[in-house]
Amino acid sequence: MGRAINKAVTIAEILKRKMPLHQWNNLSSVEMVDVYEPVEEGLDVVTSRRYVSCLQITLSLTLANANDTMHPGYQPPLAEEEMHQQLAAATAAAPAAHPLPPTAPGGIGAG
């Protein structure tokens, strides 16, 4: 919900690039009601209402039935070639790992 939507989409995209997954998206919103009770006597209870966006992402290796592809939020799996191309491009763009320098004698853990 809310700010976690970005992370959910990123995780779904990473998984779809690793295996052929069908994806269904559902958007909704939830009303959140916050009630603040006063600490002191004589003050009013304050109620705050806000709407939070929600995204439900369903991933599956198989289709349960043919009508699943008619869902407005359906995305078919990526083509096999497309999965490997995007994975190779992401690997090539990743920075090279640099080994850590050796620890000096008498450093951490010595003694």
C-alpha atoms as a PDB file:
ATOM      1  CA  MET A   1       0.000   0.000   0.000  1.00  0.00           C
ATOM      2  CA  GLY A   2       1.059   3.547  -0.566  1.00  0.00           C
ATOM      3  CA  ARG A   3       4.812   3.975  -0.859  1.00  0.00           C
ATOM      4  CA  ALA A   4       5.506   0.233  -1.089  1.00  0.00           C
ATOM      5  CA  ILE A   5       3.966   0.066  -4.589  1.00  0.00           C
ATOM      6  CA  ASN A   6       7.303   1.006  -6.193  1.00  0.00           C
ATOM      7  CA  LYS A   7       9.075  -1.904  -4.499  1.00  0.00           C
ATOM      8  CA  ALA A   8       6.323  -4.382  -5.385  1.00  0.00           C
ATOM      9  CA  VAL A   9       6.518  -3.444  -9.080  1.00  0.00           C
ATOM     10  CA  THR A  10      10.318  -3.719  -9.064  1.00  0.00           C
ATOM     11  CA  ILE A  11      10.224  -7.182  -7.468  1.00  0.00           C
ATOM     12  CA  ALA A  12       7.583  -8.382  -9.954  1.00  0.00           C
ATOM     13  CA  GLU A  13       9.689  -7.139 -12.891  1.00  0.00           C
ATOM     14  CA  ILE A  14      12.822  -8.854 -11.569  1.00  0.00           C
ATOM     15  CA  LEU A  15      10.947 -12.145 -11.176  1.00  0.00           C
ATOM     16  CA  LYS A  16       9.403 -11.872 -14.662  1.00  0.00           C
ATOM     17  CA  ARG A  17      12.890 -11.517 -16.168  1.00  0.00           C
ATOM     18  CA  LYS A  18      14.045 -14.720 -14.478  1.00  0.00           C
ATOM     19  CA  MET A  19      11.122 -17.017 -15.392  1.00  0.00           C
ATOM     20  CA  PRO A  20       8.101 -16.913 -17.723  1.00  0.00           C
ATOM     21  CA  LEU A  21       5.387 -15.578 -15.413  1.00  0.00           C
ATOM     22  CA  HIS A  22       1.859 -14.420 -16.205  1.00  0.00           C
ATOM     23  CA  GLN A  23       0.969 -11.222 -14.346  1.00  0.00           C
ATOM     24  CA  TRP A  24      -2.358  -9.748 -13.217  1.00  0.00           C
ATOM     25  CA  ASN A  25      -2.593  -6.262 -11.679  1.00  0.00           C
ATOM     26  CA  ASN A  26      -5.481  -4.930  -9.607  1.00  0.00           C
ATOM     27  CA  LEU A  27      -5.622  -1.302  -8.485  1.00  0.00           C
ATOM     28  CA  SER A  28      -7.732  -0.128  -5.579  1.00  0.00           C
ATOM     29  CA  SER A  29      -7.746   2.305  -2.695  1.00  0.00           C
ATOM     30  CA  VAL A  30      -8.438   1.864   0.982  1.00  0.00           C
ATOM     31  CA  GLU A  31      -9.865   4.451   3.319  1.00  0.00           C
ATOM     32  CA  MET A  32      -7.678   4.793   6.401  1.00  0.00           C
ATOM     33  CA  VAL A  33      -9.300   6.367   9.449  1.00  0.00           C
ATOM     34  CA  ASP A  34      -7.059   7.684  12.211  1.00  0.00           C
ATOM     35  CA  VAL A  35      -8.739   8.526  15.517  1.00  0.00           C
ATOM     36  CA  TYR A  36      -6.824  10.667  17.989  1.00  0.00           C
ATOM     37  CA  GLU A  37      -8.140  10.524  21.526  1.00  0.00           C
ATOM     38  CA  PRO A  38      -7.223  13.519  23.700  1.00  0.00           C
ATOM     39  CA  VAL A  39      -4.900  13.046  26.647  1.00  0.00           C
ATOM     40  CA  GLU A  40      -6.530  15.884  28.567  1.00  0.00           C
ATOM     41  CA  GLU A  41     -10.180  16.020  29.576  1.00  0.00           C
ATOM     42  CA  GLY A  42     -12.500  18.425  27.806  1.00  0.00           C
ATOM     43  CA  LEU A  43     -10.861  18.120  24.356  1.00  0.00           C
ATOM     44  CA  ASP A  44     -12.633  16.657  21.323  1.00  0.00           C
ATOM     45  CA  VAL A  45     -11.718  13.405  19.601  1.00  0.00           C
ATOM     46  CA  VAL A  46     -10.081  14.172  16.239  1.00  0.00           C
ATOM     47  CA  THR A  47     -10.779  11.894  13.279  1.00  0.00           C
ATOM     48  CA  SER A  48      -8.680  11.998  10.112  1.00  0.00           C
ATOM     49  CA  ARG A  49      -9.636  10.166   6.889  1.00  0.00           C
ATOM     50  CA  ARG A  50      -7.281   9.501   4.003  1.00  0.00           C
ATOM     51  CA  TYR A  51      -7.216   7.212   0.991  1.00  0.00           C
ATOM     52  CA  VAL A  52      -4.211   5.005   0.307  1.00  0.00           C
ATOM     53  CA  SER A  53      -3.563   3.487  -3.127  1.00  0.00           C
ATOM     54  CA  CYS A  54      -3.189  -0.301  -3.306  1.00  0.00           C
ATOM     55  CA  LEU A  55      -1.713  -2.506  -6.012  1.00  0.00           C
ATOM     56  CA  GLN A  56      -2.196  -6.267  -6.003  1.00  0.00           C
ATOM     57  CA  ILE A  57       0.210  -8.119  -8.300  1.00  0.00           C
ATOM     58  CA  THR A  58      -0.469 -11.806  -8.927  1.00  0.00           C
ATOM     59  CA  LEU A  59       2.243 -13.864 -10.644  1.00  0.00           C
ATOM     60  CA  SER A  60       1.726 -17.396 -11.955  1.00  0.00           C
ATOM     61  CA  LEU A  61       3.591 -19.908 -14.094  1.00  0.00           C
ATOM     62  CA  THR A  62       0.318 -21.188 -15.592  1.00  0.00           C
ATOM     63  CA  LEU A  63      -3.113 -19.889 -16.589  1.00  0.00           C
ATOM     64  CA  ALA A  64      -5.982 -21.239 -14.473  1.00  0.00           C
ATOM     65  CA  ASN A  65      -8.395 -20.810 -17.417  1.00  0.00           C
ATOM     66  CA  ALA A  66      -8.537 -19.087 -20.797  1.00  0.00           C
ATOM     67  CA  ASN A  67     -10.625 -16.178 -19.467  1.00  0.00           C
ATOM     68  CA  ASP A  68      -7.690 -15.037 -17.321  1.00  0.00           C
ATOM     69  CA  THR A  69      -6.149 -13.340 -20.358  1.00  0.00           C
ATOM     70  CA  MET A  70      -9.260 -11.124 -20.691  1.00  0.00           C
ATOM     71  CA  HIS A  71      -8.587  -9.435 -17.323  1.00  0.00           C
ATOM     72  CA  PRO A  72      -7.799  -5.721 -17.890  1.00  0.00           C
ATOM     73  CA  GLY A  73      -4.621  -5.967 -15.788  1.00  0.00           C
ATOM     74  CA  TYR A  74      -3.218  -9.088 -17.510  1.00  0.00           C
ATOM     75  CA  GLN A  75       0.353  -9.102 -18.846  1.00  0.00           C
ATOM     76  CA  PRO A  76       1.646 -12.185 -20.682  1.00  0.00           C
ATOM     77  CA  PRO A  77       5.101 -13.624 -19.921  1.00  0.00           C
ATOM     78  CA  LEU A  78       8.084 -12.086 -21.676  1.00  0.00           C
ATOM     79  CA  ALA A  79       9.417 -13.931 -24.722  1.00  0.00           C
ATOM     80  CA  GLU A  80      12.351 -16.248 -23.958  1.00  0.00           C
ATOM     81  CA  GLU A  81      14.744 -14.149 -26.096  1.00  0.00           C
ATOM     82  CA  GLU A  82      13.573 -10.942 -24.430  1.00  0.00           C
ATOM     83  CA  MET A  83      14.199 -12.372 -20.955  1.00  0.00           C
ATOM     84  CA  HIS A  84      17.788 -13.308 -21.816  1.00  0.00           C
ATOM     85  CA  GLN A  85      18.521 -10.018 -23.611  1.00  0.00           C
ATOM     86  CA  GLN A  86      17.336  -7.904 -20.695  1.00  0.00           C
ATOM     87  CA  LEU A  87      19.177 -10.094 -18.189  1.00  0.00           C
ATOM     88  CA  ALA A  88      22.407  -9.852 -20.212  1.00  0.00           C
ATOM     89  CA  ALA A  89      22.057  -6.066 -20.540  1.00  0.00           C
ATOM     90  CA  ALA A  90      21.489  -5.698 -16.801  1.00  0.00           C
ATOM     91  CA  THR A  91      24.545  -7.865 -16.045  1.00  0.00           C
ATOM     92  CA  ALA A  92      26.720  -5.846 -18.442  1.00  0.00           C
ATOM     93  CA  ALA A  93      25.557  -2.560 -16.892  1.00  0.00           C
ATOM     94  CA  ALA A  94      26.306  -3.709 -13.323  1.00  0.00           C
ATOM     95  CA  PRO A  95      29.496  -2.245 -11.846  1.00  0.00           C
ATOM     96  CA  ALA A  96      32.406  -4.625 -11.478  1.00  0.00           C
ATOM     97  CA  ALA A  97      32.961  -5.947  -7.976  1.00  0.00           C
ATOM     98  CA  HIS A  98      36.126  -4.715  -6.304  1.00  0.00           C
ATOM     99  CA  PRO A  99      37.796  -7.024  -3.797  1.00  0.00           C
ATOM    100  CA  LEU A 100      38.375  -5.674  -0.323  1.00  0.00           C
ATOM    101  CA  PRO A 101      41.999  -4.844   0.558  1.00  0.00           C
ATOM    102  CA  PRO A 102      43.709  -7.380   2.795  1.00  0.00           C
ATOM    103  CA  THR A 103      43.581  -6.607   6.499  1.00  0.00           C
ATOM    104  CA  ALA A 104      46.776  -5.464   8.152  1.00  0.00           C
ATOM    105  CA  PRO A 105      48.402  -7.654  10.829  1.00  0.00           C
ATOM    106  CA  GLY A 106      46.997  -6.761  14.220  1.00  0.00           C
ATOM    107  CA  GLY A 107      43.767  -5.521  12.634  1.00  0.00           C
ATOM    108  CA  ILE A 108      40.252  -6.630  13.433  1.00  0.00           C
ATOM    109  CA  GLY A 109      40.126 -10.096  14.947  1.00  0.00           C
ATOM    110  CA  ALA A 110      43.824 -10.194  15.780  1.00  0.00           C
ATOM    111  CA  GLY A 111      44.851 -10.947  19.268  1.00  0.00           C
END
